[in-house]
Protein backbone atom coordinates (compact mmCIF):
# COMPACT_ATOMS: atom_id res chain seq x y z
CA MET A 1 -257.99 -115.48 96.17
CA SER A 2 -255.66 -112.68 97.26
CA TYR A 3 -254.82 -111.92 100.87
CA ARG A 4 -252.55 -109.51 102.72
CA GLN A 5 -250.54 -110.23 105.84
CA THR A 6 -249.57 -107.45 108.26
CA LYS A 7 -247.58 -107.72 111.47
CA PHE A 8 -248.07 -104.94 114.01
CA GLU A 9 -245.10 -103.53 115.91
CA ASN A 10 -246.00 -105.51 119.06
CA GLY A 11 -246.32 -108.84 117.24
CA VAL A 12 -250.05 -109.11 116.46
CA LYS A 13 -250.50 -110.89 113.12
CA LEU A 14 -253.31 -109.72 110.80
CA THR A 15 -254.52 -111.45 107.64
CA THR A 16 -257.01 -109.57 105.47
CA VAL A 17 -258.97 -111.02 102.55
CA PRO A 18 -261.14 -108.29 100.99
CA GLN A 19 -264.08 -109.41 98.84
CA THR A 20 -266.06 -106.49 97.46
CA GLU A 21 -268.86 -108.74 96.24
CA ALA A 22 -269.50 -110.30 99.67
CA LEU A 23 -272.64 -109.49 101.64
CA SER A 24 -270.86 -109.62 105.01
CA ALA A 25 -267.56 -109.09 106.79
CA SER A 26 -266.19 -111.54 109.36
CA ILE A 27 -263.61 -110.70 112.02
CA LEU A 28 -261.84 -113.43 113.98
CA PHE A 29 -259.42 -113.05 116.89
CA LEU A 30 -257.37 -116.13 117.80
CA VAL A 31 -255.04 -116.53 120.76
CA ASP A 32 -252.43 -119.22 121.29
CA ALA A 33 -254.04 -120.36 124.54
CA GLY A 34 -256.02 -123.55 124.84
CA ALA A 35 -256.25 -126.77 126.79
CA LYS A 36 -252.65 -127.59 125.83
CA ASN A 37 -251.48 -124.73 128.07
CA GLU A 38 -253.24 -125.89 131.24
CA GLU A 39 -251.94 -127.63 134.33
CA LYS A 40 -254.05 -130.43 135.77
CA SER A 41 -255.24 -128.13 138.56
CA SER A 42 -256.41 -125.53 136.02
CA SER A 43 -258.11 -127.90 133.60
CA GLY A 44 -260.88 -125.99 131.83
CA LEU A 45 -259.52 -122.52 132.61
CA SER A 46 -259.06 -121.54 128.93
CA HIS A 47 -262.71 -122.35 128.27
CA PHE A 48 -263.95 -120.63 131.42
CA LEU A 49 -262.02 -117.46 130.61
CA GLU A 50 -263.60 -117.45 127.14
CA HIS A 51 -267.05 -117.58 128.76
CA MET A 52 -266.19 -114.74 131.12
CA ALA A 53 -265.13 -112.44 128.27
CA PHE A 54 -268.83 -111.84 127.58
CA LYS A 55 -269.57 -110.70 131.15
CA GLY A 56 -268.60 -107.09 130.62
CA THR A 57 -265.81 -104.78 129.44
CA LYS A 58 -264.62 -101.27 130.24
CA ALA A 59 -266.89 -99.80 127.57
CA CYS A 60 -269.80 -102.19 128.20
CA PRO A 61 -269.69 -103.05 131.92
CA SER A 62 -272.27 -105.83 131.92
CA SER A 63 -273.15 -108.85 129.83
CA PHE A 64 -276.42 -107.22 128.81
CA ALA A 65 -274.72 -104.00 127.75
CA LEU A 66 -272.13 -105.88 125.70
CA THR A 67 -274.46 -108.33 123.98
CA SER A 68 -277.00 -105.57 123.32
CA ARG A 69 -274.34 -103.71 121.34
CA PHE A 70 -273.59 -106.81 119.27
CA ASP A 71 -277.28 -107.54 118.73
CA ALA A 72 -277.92 -103.96 117.61
CA LEU A 73 -275.41 -104.56 114.81
CA GLY A 74 -277.36 -107.60 113.62
CA ALA A 75 -274.20 -109.57 114.36
CA ASN A 76 -273.50 -113.27 114.46
CA TYR A 77 -270.95 -113.48 117.29
CA ASN A 78 -269.56 -116.08 119.65
CA ALA A 79 -266.37 -117.70 120.91
CA PHE A 80 -264.87 -121.18 121.17
CA THR A 81 -262.06 -122.97 122.96
CA GLY A 82 -260.02 -125.83 121.57
CA TYR A 83 -256.92 -127.78 122.49
CA ASP A 84 -254.54 -125.54 120.52
CA PHE A 85 -256.14 -122.09 120.69
CA THR A 86 -259.17 -119.97 121.62
CA GLY A 87 -261.18 -117.82 119.23
CA TYR A 88 -263.60 -114.88 119.32
CA TYR A 89 -265.53 -113.83 116.22
CA VAL A 90 -268.19 -111.55 114.80
CA THR A 91 -269.85 -111.38 111.37
CA VAL A 92 -271.83 -108.33 110.26
CA VAL A 93 -273.09 -106.54 107.16
CA PRO A 94 -270.35 -104.49 105.48
CA ASP A 95 -271.25 -101.05 106.81
CA LYS A 96 -271.01 -102.32 110.41
CA ALA A 97 -267.53 -103.87 110.04
CA GLU A 98 -265.56 -101.14 111.79
CA GLU A 99 -267.98 -100.85 114.70
CA ALA A 100 -267.99 -104.64 115.09
CA ALA A 101 -264.17 -104.76 115.04
CA SER A 102 -264.02 -102.11 117.77
CA LEU A 103 -266.52 -103.98 119.90
CA LEU A 104 -264.75 -107.32 119.50
CA ALA A 105 -261.44 -105.66 120.35
CA ASP A 106 -262.99 -104.27 123.54
CA LEU A 107 -264.19 -107.75 124.49
CA TYR A 108 -260.75 -109.24 123.79
CA LEU A 109 -258.59 -106.50 125.32
CA ASN A 110 -260.65 -105.15 128.23
CA PRO A 111 -262.64 -107.88 130.01
CA LEU A 112 -263.71 -107.08 133.58
CA TYR A 113 -264.30 -110.59 134.99
CA PRO A 114 -266.77 -109.36 137.66
CA THR A 115 -266.42 -111.48 140.79
CA GLU A 116 -270.18 -111.83 141.21
CA GLU A 117 -270.44 -113.25 137.67
CA ILE A 118 -267.76 -115.88 138.18
CA ASP A 119 -269.82 -118.04 140.55
CA LYS A 120 -272.85 -117.79 138.29
CA GLU A 121 -270.84 -118.80 135.24
CA LYS A 122 -269.43 -121.78 137.11
CA GLY A 123 -272.99 -123.07 137.24
CA VAL A 124 -273.36 -122.57 133.50
CA VAL A 125 -270.16 -124.46 132.69
CA LEU A 126 -270.96 -127.26 135.13
CA GLU A 127 -274.27 -127.74 133.31
CA GLU A 128 -272.41 -127.74 130.00
CA ILE A 129 -270.17 -130.53 131.32
CA LYS A 130 -273.22 -132.53 132.42
CA MET A 131 -274.85 -132.01 129.04
CA TYR A 132 -271.97 -133.67 127.21
CA GLU A 133 -271.59 -136.41 129.82
CA ASP A 134 -275.26 -137.25 129.24
CA LYS A 135 -274.57 -137.73 125.51
CA PRO A 136 -272.77 -141.06 125.02
CA ALA A 137 -271.74 -140.12 121.48
CA SER A 138 -269.86 -137.13 122.95
CA LEU A 139 -268.65 -138.81 126.14
CA VAL A 140 -266.85 -141.55 124.23
CA TRP A 141 -264.41 -138.98 122.82
CA ASP A 142 -263.37 -137.92 126.32
CA VAL A 143 -263.01 -141.58 127.25
CA TYR A 144 -260.80 -142.06 124.20
CA ALA A 145 -258.61 -139.05 125.00
CA THR A 146 -258.04 -140.15 128.59
CA ALA A 147 -257.23 -143.70 127.53
CA ALA A 148 -254.78 -142.54 124.86
CA TYR A 149 -253.05 -139.66 126.66
CA GLY A 150 -253.66 -140.16 130.37
CA ASP A 151 -252.57 -137.24 132.55
CA HIS A 152 -251.23 -135.18 129.65
CA PRO A 153 -253.35 -132.10 128.73
CA ALA A 154 -254.43 -134.01 125.60
CA GLY A 155 -256.09 -136.54 127.89
CA ARG A 156 -258.24 -134.00 129.72
CA PRO A 157 -261.56 -132.45 128.61
CA VAL A 158 -261.36 -128.94 127.18
CA LEU A 159 -264.31 -128.01 129.42
CA GLY A 160 -262.45 -129.16 132.52
CA VAL A 161 -263.96 -131.25 135.29
CA PRO A 162 -266.31 -130.18 138.10
CA GLY A 163 -263.55 -130.11 140.71
CA THR A 164 -261.33 -127.67 138.82
CA VAL A 165 -264.12 -125.47 137.45
CA SER A 166 -265.71 -125.07 140.89
CA ALA A 167 -262.39 -123.81 142.31
CA PHE A 168 -261.60 -121.08 139.77
CA SER A 169 -261.06 -117.59 141.21
CA ARG A 170 -260.72 -114.16 139.65
CA ASP A 171 -256.99 -114.29 140.37
CA ASP A 172 -256.78 -117.53 138.37
CA LEU A 173 -258.42 -115.87 135.38
CA ALA A 174 -256.31 -112.72 135.59
CA GLY A 175 -253.08 -114.69 136.00
CA TYR A 176 -253.79 -117.00 133.07
CA ARG A 177 -254.77 -114.08 130.86
CA LYS A 178 -251.63 -112.11 131.76
CA LYS A 179 -249.45 -115.11 130.89
CA HIS A 180 -251.10 -116.20 127.65
CA TYR A 181 -253.12 -113.34 126.14
CA LEU A 182 -250.20 -111.54 124.52
CA ALA A 183 -249.81 -109.56 121.31
CA SER A 184 -247.24 -112.08 120.10
CA ALA A 185 -249.80 -114.85 120.66
CA THR A 186 -252.65 -113.08 118.84
CA THR A 187 -253.78 -113.65 115.26
CA ILE A 188 -256.54 -111.67 113.54
CA ALA A 189 -258.26 -112.68 110.29
CA VAL A 190 -260.72 -110.41 108.49
CA VAL A 191 -262.56 -111.65 105.40
CA GLY A 192 -265.37 -110.15 103.34
CA ASN A 193 -266.59 -106.73 102.26
CA PHE A 194 -264.71 -104.05 104.22
CA ASP A 195 -262.27 -101.19 103.74
CA GLU A 196 -258.94 -103.01 104.11
CA ASP A 197 -256.72 -100.01 104.86
CA LYS A 198 -259.19 -98.38 107.22
CA LEU A 199 -259.83 -101.55 109.22
CA THR A 200 -256.13 -102.37 109.39
CA GLU A 201 -255.37 -98.98 110.93
CA LEU A 202 -258.34 -99.23 113.30
CA LEU A 203 -257.06 -102.57 114.61
CA ARG A 204 -253.48 -101.31 114.78
CA GLY A 205 -254.70 -98.51 117.03
CA LYS A 206 -256.82 -100.79 119.21
CA PHE A 207 -253.91 -103.18 119.80
CA PHE A 208 -251.17 -100.52 120.02
CA ALA A 209 -250.80 -100.74 123.81
CA PHE A 210 -251.37 -104.51 124.03
CA ASN A 211 -248.58 -106.37 125.83
CA GLY A 212 -246.21 -107.83 123.26
CA GLY A 213 -244.63 -110.56 125.36
CA SER A 214 -242.53 -113.43 124.07
CA PRO A 215 -244.15 -116.20 122.05
CA HIS A 216 -244.52 -119.41 124.02
CA PRO A 217 -242.67 -122.41 122.59
CA TRP A 218 -244.80 -125.21 121.22
CA PRO A 219 -245.33 -128.01 123.75
CA LYS A 220 -243.09 -131.03 123.39
CA LEU A 221 -244.37 -133.81 121.17
CA ILE A 222 -246.19 -136.59 122.95
CA GLY A 223 -243.98 -139.68 122.92
CA SER A 224 -244.65 -142.95 121.17
CA GLN A 225 -247.64 -144.81 122.48
CA VAL A 226 -247.28 -148.22 124.08
CA GLY A 227 -250.57 -149.92 123.32
CA PRO A 228 -253.03 -151.20 122.70
CA ASN A 229 -255.11 -149.18 125.17
CA LEU A 230 -258.67 -150.13 126.03
CA SER A 231 -261.25 -148.19 128.07
CA LEU A 232 -264.90 -149.05 128.68
CA VAL A 233 -267.55 -146.95 130.42
CA SER A 234 -270.87 -148.50 131.34
CA ARG A 235 -274.13 -146.63 130.81
CA PRO A 236 -277.73 -147.96 130.86
CA ILE A 237 -278.19 -147.45 127.10
CA LYS A 238 -279.07 -149.62 124.12
CA GLN A 239 -276.21 -148.68 121.81
CA THR A 240 -272.45 -149.03 121.95
CA HIS A 241 -270.59 -145.87 120.99
CA LEU A 242 -267.02 -146.68 120.04
CA VAL A 243 -263.90 -144.84 118.92
CA LEU A 244 -260.91 -146.79 117.62
CA GLY A 245 -257.94 -144.49 117.13
CA PHE A 246 -254.28 -144.67 116.16
CA GLN A 247 -251.39 -142.36 116.96
CA SER A 248 -250.59 -140.49 113.74
CA ALA A 249 -249.30 -137.11 112.51
CA THR A 250 -249.12 -133.69 114.15
CA LEU A 251 -250.01 -130.46 112.34
CA PHE A 252 -246.38 -130.08 111.32
CA ASP A 253 -245.92 -133.48 109.66
CA ASP A 254 -246.55 -132.13 106.17
CA ASP A 255 -245.21 -135.23 104.45
CA GLU A 256 -248.00 -137.33 106.01
CA LEU A 257 -250.91 -135.04 106.81
CA ASP A 258 -252.56 -134.82 103.38
CA GLY A 259 -252.31 -138.57 102.87
CA LEU A 260 -253.86 -139.24 106.28
CA ASN A 261 -256.77 -136.92 105.50
CA ILE A 262 -257.47 -138.86 102.32
CA LEU A 263 -256.98 -142.18 104.12
CA ALA A 264 -259.65 -141.14 106.63
CA ALA A 265 -261.93 -140.05 103.79
CA VAL A 266 -261.56 -143.44 102.08
CA LEU A 267 -262.65 -145.09 105.31
CA GLY A 268 -265.47 -142.82 106.38
CA GLY A 269 -265.71 -139.63 104.36
CA GLY A 270 -269.16 -140.04 102.89
CA MET A 271 -272.06 -142.36 102.13
CA SER A 272 -270.03 -144.29 99.54
CA SER A 273 -267.04 -144.68 101.89
CA ARG A 274 -265.87 -148.15 102.85
CA LEU A 275 -267.08 -148.11 106.45
CA PHE A 276 -270.46 -146.56 105.64
CA GLN A 277 -271.07 -149.21 102.99
CA ARG A 278 -269.94 -152.15 105.12
CA VAL A 279 -271.32 -151.23 108.54
CA ARG A 280 -274.49 -149.35 107.66
CA GLU A 281 -275.52 -150.38 104.15
CA GLU A 282 -274.49 -154.06 104.21
CA LEU A 283 -274.77 -154.98 107.90
CA GLY A 284 -277.44 -152.49 108.97
CA ALA A 285 -275.64 -152.36 112.33
CA ALA A 286 -275.18 -148.59 112.80
CA TYR A 287 -276.83 -145.28 112.12
CA TYR A 288 -273.61 -143.25 112.22
CA VAL A 289 -270.15 -144.44 111.24
CA GLY A 290 -267.15 -142.48 110.01
CA ALA A 291 -263.46 -141.66 110.22
CA ASN A 292 -261.34 -138.55 110.87
CA GLN A 293 -257.74 -137.45 111.00
CA ASN A 294 -257.26 -135.17 114.04
CA SER A 295 -254.01 -133.21 114.23
CA HIS A 296 -252.73 -130.85 116.91
CA VAL A 297 -249.44 -129.09 117.62
CA ASP A 298 -248.04 -131.91 119.76
CA HIS A 299 -249.99 -135.03 118.77
CA GLY A 300 -252.32 -136.50 116.19
CA PHE A 301 -254.64 -139.47 115.82
CA LEU A 302 -256.72 -141.07 113.10
CA THR A 303 -260.02 -142.45 114.36
CA VAL A 304 -262.83 -144.62 113.14
CA TYR A 305 -266.05 -144.31 115.12
CA ALA A 306 -269.61 -145.61 115.20
CA GLY A 307 -272.77 -145.98 117.24
CA VAL A 308 -273.84 -149.60 116.88
CA ASP A 309 -276.37 -152.13 118.08
CA ALA A 310 -274.93 -153.15 121.46
CA GLY A 311 -275.45 -156.82 120.68
CA ARG A 312 -273.30 -156.52 117.56
CA THR A 313 -270.35 -154.65 119.05
CA GLN A 314 -267.86 -157.47 118.52
CA GLU A 315 -269.09 -158.10 114.98
CA VAL A 316 -268.77 -154.45 113.96
CA LEU A 317 -265.36 -154.09 115.58
CA SER A 318 -264.16 -157.11 113.61
CA VAL A 319 -265.38 -155.48 110.39
CA LEU A 320 -263.64 -152.20 111.23
CA VAL A 321 -260.35 -153.98 111.89
CA ALA A 322 -260.73 -156.00 108.67
CA GLU A 323 -261.12 -152.79 106.67
CA LEU A 324 -258.00 -151.35 108.28
CA ARG A 325 -256.03 -154.49 107.41
CA ARG A 326 -257.32 -154.26 103.84
CA LEU A 327 -255.81 -150.79 103.50
CA LYS A 328 -252.47 -152.16 104.72
CA ASN A 329 -252.54 -155.03 102.25
CA GLU A 330 -254.10 -153.55 99.11
CA ALA A 331 -253.48 -150.29 97.27
CA ILE A 332 -256.59 -148.17 96.75
CA PRO A 333 -257.82 -148.47 93.13
CA ALA A 334 -257.25 -145.33 91.06
CA GLU A 335 -260.95 -144.77 90.37
CA GLU A 336 -261.83 -144.89 94.08
CA LEU A 337 -258.91 -142.66 95.05
CA ASN A 338 -259.82 -140.01 92.48
CA LYS A 339 -263.45 -140.07 93.64
CA VAL A 340 -262.40 -139.58 97.26
CA LYS A 341 -259.99 -136.74 96.43
CA ASP A 342 -262.63 -134.98 94.33
CA GLY A 343 -265.11 -135.37 97.19
CA PHE A 344 -262.63 -134.06 99.76
CA ILE A 345 -261.82 -131.00 97.66
CA GLY A 346 -265.48 -130.39 96.91
CA ASN A 347 -266.35 -130.48 100.60
CA LEU A 348 -263.43 -128.14 101.32
CA PHE A 349 -264.70 -125.56 98.84
CA LEU A 350 -268.32 -125.88 99.98
CA GLY A 351 -267.12 -125.30 103.53
CA LEU A 352 -265.53 -122.00 102.46
CA GLU A 353 -268.59 -120.36 100.97
CA THR A 354 -268.84 -117.51 103.49
CA PRO A 355 -266.41 -114.90 104.84
CA SER A 356 -266.87 -116.48 108.27
CA ASP A 357 -265.73 -119.89 106.97
CA GLN A 358 -262.74 -118.34 105.25
CA SER A 359 -261.67 -116.36 108.30
CA PHE A 360 -261.26 -119.67 110.15
CA PHE A 361 -259.42 -121.20 107.18
CA TYR A 362 -256.82 -118.41 107.06
CA GLY A 363 -256.67 -117.61 110.76
CA GLU A 364 -255.98 -121.20 111.76
CA GLN A 365 -253.06 -121.50 109.35
CA VAL A 366 -251.45 -118.34 110.74
CA ILE A 367 -251.93 -119.06 114.46
CA LEU A 368 -250.43 -122.52 113.99
CA GLY A 369 -247.38 -121.16 112.20
CA ARG A 370 -248.11 -122.96 108.96
CA PRO A 371 -247.39 -121.64 105.45
CA VAL A 372 -250.54 -119.83 104.34
CA LEU A 373 -252.21 -121.54 101.38
CA ASP A 374 -255.31 -120.37 99.60
CA PRO A 375 -257.97 -123.05 98.89
CA LEU A 376 -256.75 -123.68 95.33
CA ALA A 377 -253.17 -124.29 96.48
CA TYR A 378 -254.37 -126.63 99.21
CA ALA A 379 -256.48 -128.53 96.67
CA GLU A 380 -253.39 -129.11 94.52
CA LYS A 381 -251.62 -130.70 97.49
CA ILE A 382 -254.56 -133.05 97.98
CA ARG A 383 -254.58 -134.00 94.29
CA ALA A 384 -250.90 -135.01 94.60
CA VAL A 385 -251.66 -137.77 97.16
CA ASP A 386 -251.10 -141.20 95.59
CA ALA A 387 -252.16 -144.74 96.43
CA ALA A 388 -248.65 -145.91 97.35
CA SER A 389 -248.21 -143.23 100.01
CA ILE A 390 -251.61 -144.04 101.53
CA LYS A 391 -250.71 -147.73 101.73
CA ARG A 392 -247.41 -146.87 103.45
CA LEU A 393 -249.27 -144.71 105.98
CA ALA A 394 -251.78 -147.48 106.67
CA GLU A 395 -248.94 -149.96 107.23
CA LYS A 396 -247.27 -147.51 109.61
CA ILE A 397 -250.18 -146.46 111.82
CA PHE A 398 -252.66 -149.37 111.83
CA VAL A 399 -250.69 -151.43 114.33
CA ALA A 400 -251.65 -152.63 117.80
CA ASN A 401 -249.10 -150.59 119.75
CA ARG A 402 -250.55 -147.35 118.30
CA ALA A 403 -254.17 -148.32 118.98
CA THR A 404 -256.65 -147.04 121.57
CA LEU A 405 -260.21 -148.34 121.76
CA ALA A 406 -262.85 -146.50 123.80
CA LEU A 407 -266.42 -147.68 124.26
CA VAL A 408 -269.49 -146.37 126.08
CA GLY A 409 -272.38 -148.78 126.32
CA PRO A 410 -274.30 -151.30 128.41
CA GLU A 411 -272.60 -153.36 131.09
CA ALA A 412 -272.52 -156.43 128.84
CA LEU A 413 -269.54 -154.85 127.06
CA PHE A 414 -267.30 -155.92 129.93
CA LYS A 415 -267.87 -159.57 129.00
CA LEU A 416 -266.42 -159.19 125.49
CA ASP A 417 -262.83 -160.04 124.55
CA LEU A 418 -262.16 -156.78 122.75
CA ARG A 419 -258.37 -156.93 122.96
CA ALA A 420 -258.40 -159.88 120.59
CA ASN A 421 -259.67 -157.59 117.83
CA LEU A 422 -256.82 -155.15 118.40
CA SER A 423 -254.24 -157.91 118.43
CA SER A 424 -255.35 -158.99 114.97
CA LEU A 425 -254.33 -155.71 113.32
């Protein structure tokens, strides 16, 4: 799969992947501004600013005017905010690609942030916060982050908290945007059926006057954890939702990252994975159970998670810990490892079926400063992971002083001796 990388004079980075057989074109703008860039007093500002981008621009001075233009294109469009960066995207049929790119550029470059819309949008975001707080399976991840990272930006919700969101002003939005929304911090990825040269020049013109600025340095790495950490939140519910995580690799730890992704897949990457078989199929104690490697620019953590019968919390936790110890003590059999790697690569390729999927794949690599790999090259790296390296990683990270356990469930949880499970790692 061929791609072209272009850097505009002011520092904007563009990756184009033309596909003449595609039925759509997807355009993604990413900016190096996310929760990692926020002070405690501005927690949630990256996300709030993303919401406000849809409230009107110079060319489309109201939310209705702007979204009507997108809808008239038959577009799939939205935005998202993460810890590391924020993104804005649109996908359209090929003959609408240039118009869609112009409209997305207007949204990105010329937001108005009408004062009267700010208070209304605060209500929207506050309801979004409540929505996730009312979902124990979502809440437990915020509980985990706070327990693991405390007052660091990694320990705070991307959405912010009611106190900070309620206090945002137009000056806050404008100041944050001026500091972080820079040409040097902007990455564009375009994938699908479009005229590559024509769209490149269109975007070059749109971004010509955009403030170049100086790239912000990556935040300092979060120091070694002193654990184990334990956090429980009581809710009048029938299940226990738990996340057991371990400090692991950042996005730049290339010698460990692929092995950790496969390690997580061995534990919880599918219905034949070890945790799914033990906890759901054999014990019948959970509906959902899995594992993930989560990596960011300044920290990383491998987690196992489940929603279990509240009365069997201790039993399931013991099983989870036993499976982690097993990976430390026994090399993964070759047949199992090959199955997991094939499954991981298969899921990767299936997740890259559309131009929209691929724009995220390429755009994320560029914004994070990583060497750009196409899917086939990345698959070869995964195939190179061996059992010995996975065992070494398990021995390194599955230790008590790297562990954080977060639980949301009924009050009876507070009577359990959960630290004993962590001490047995």
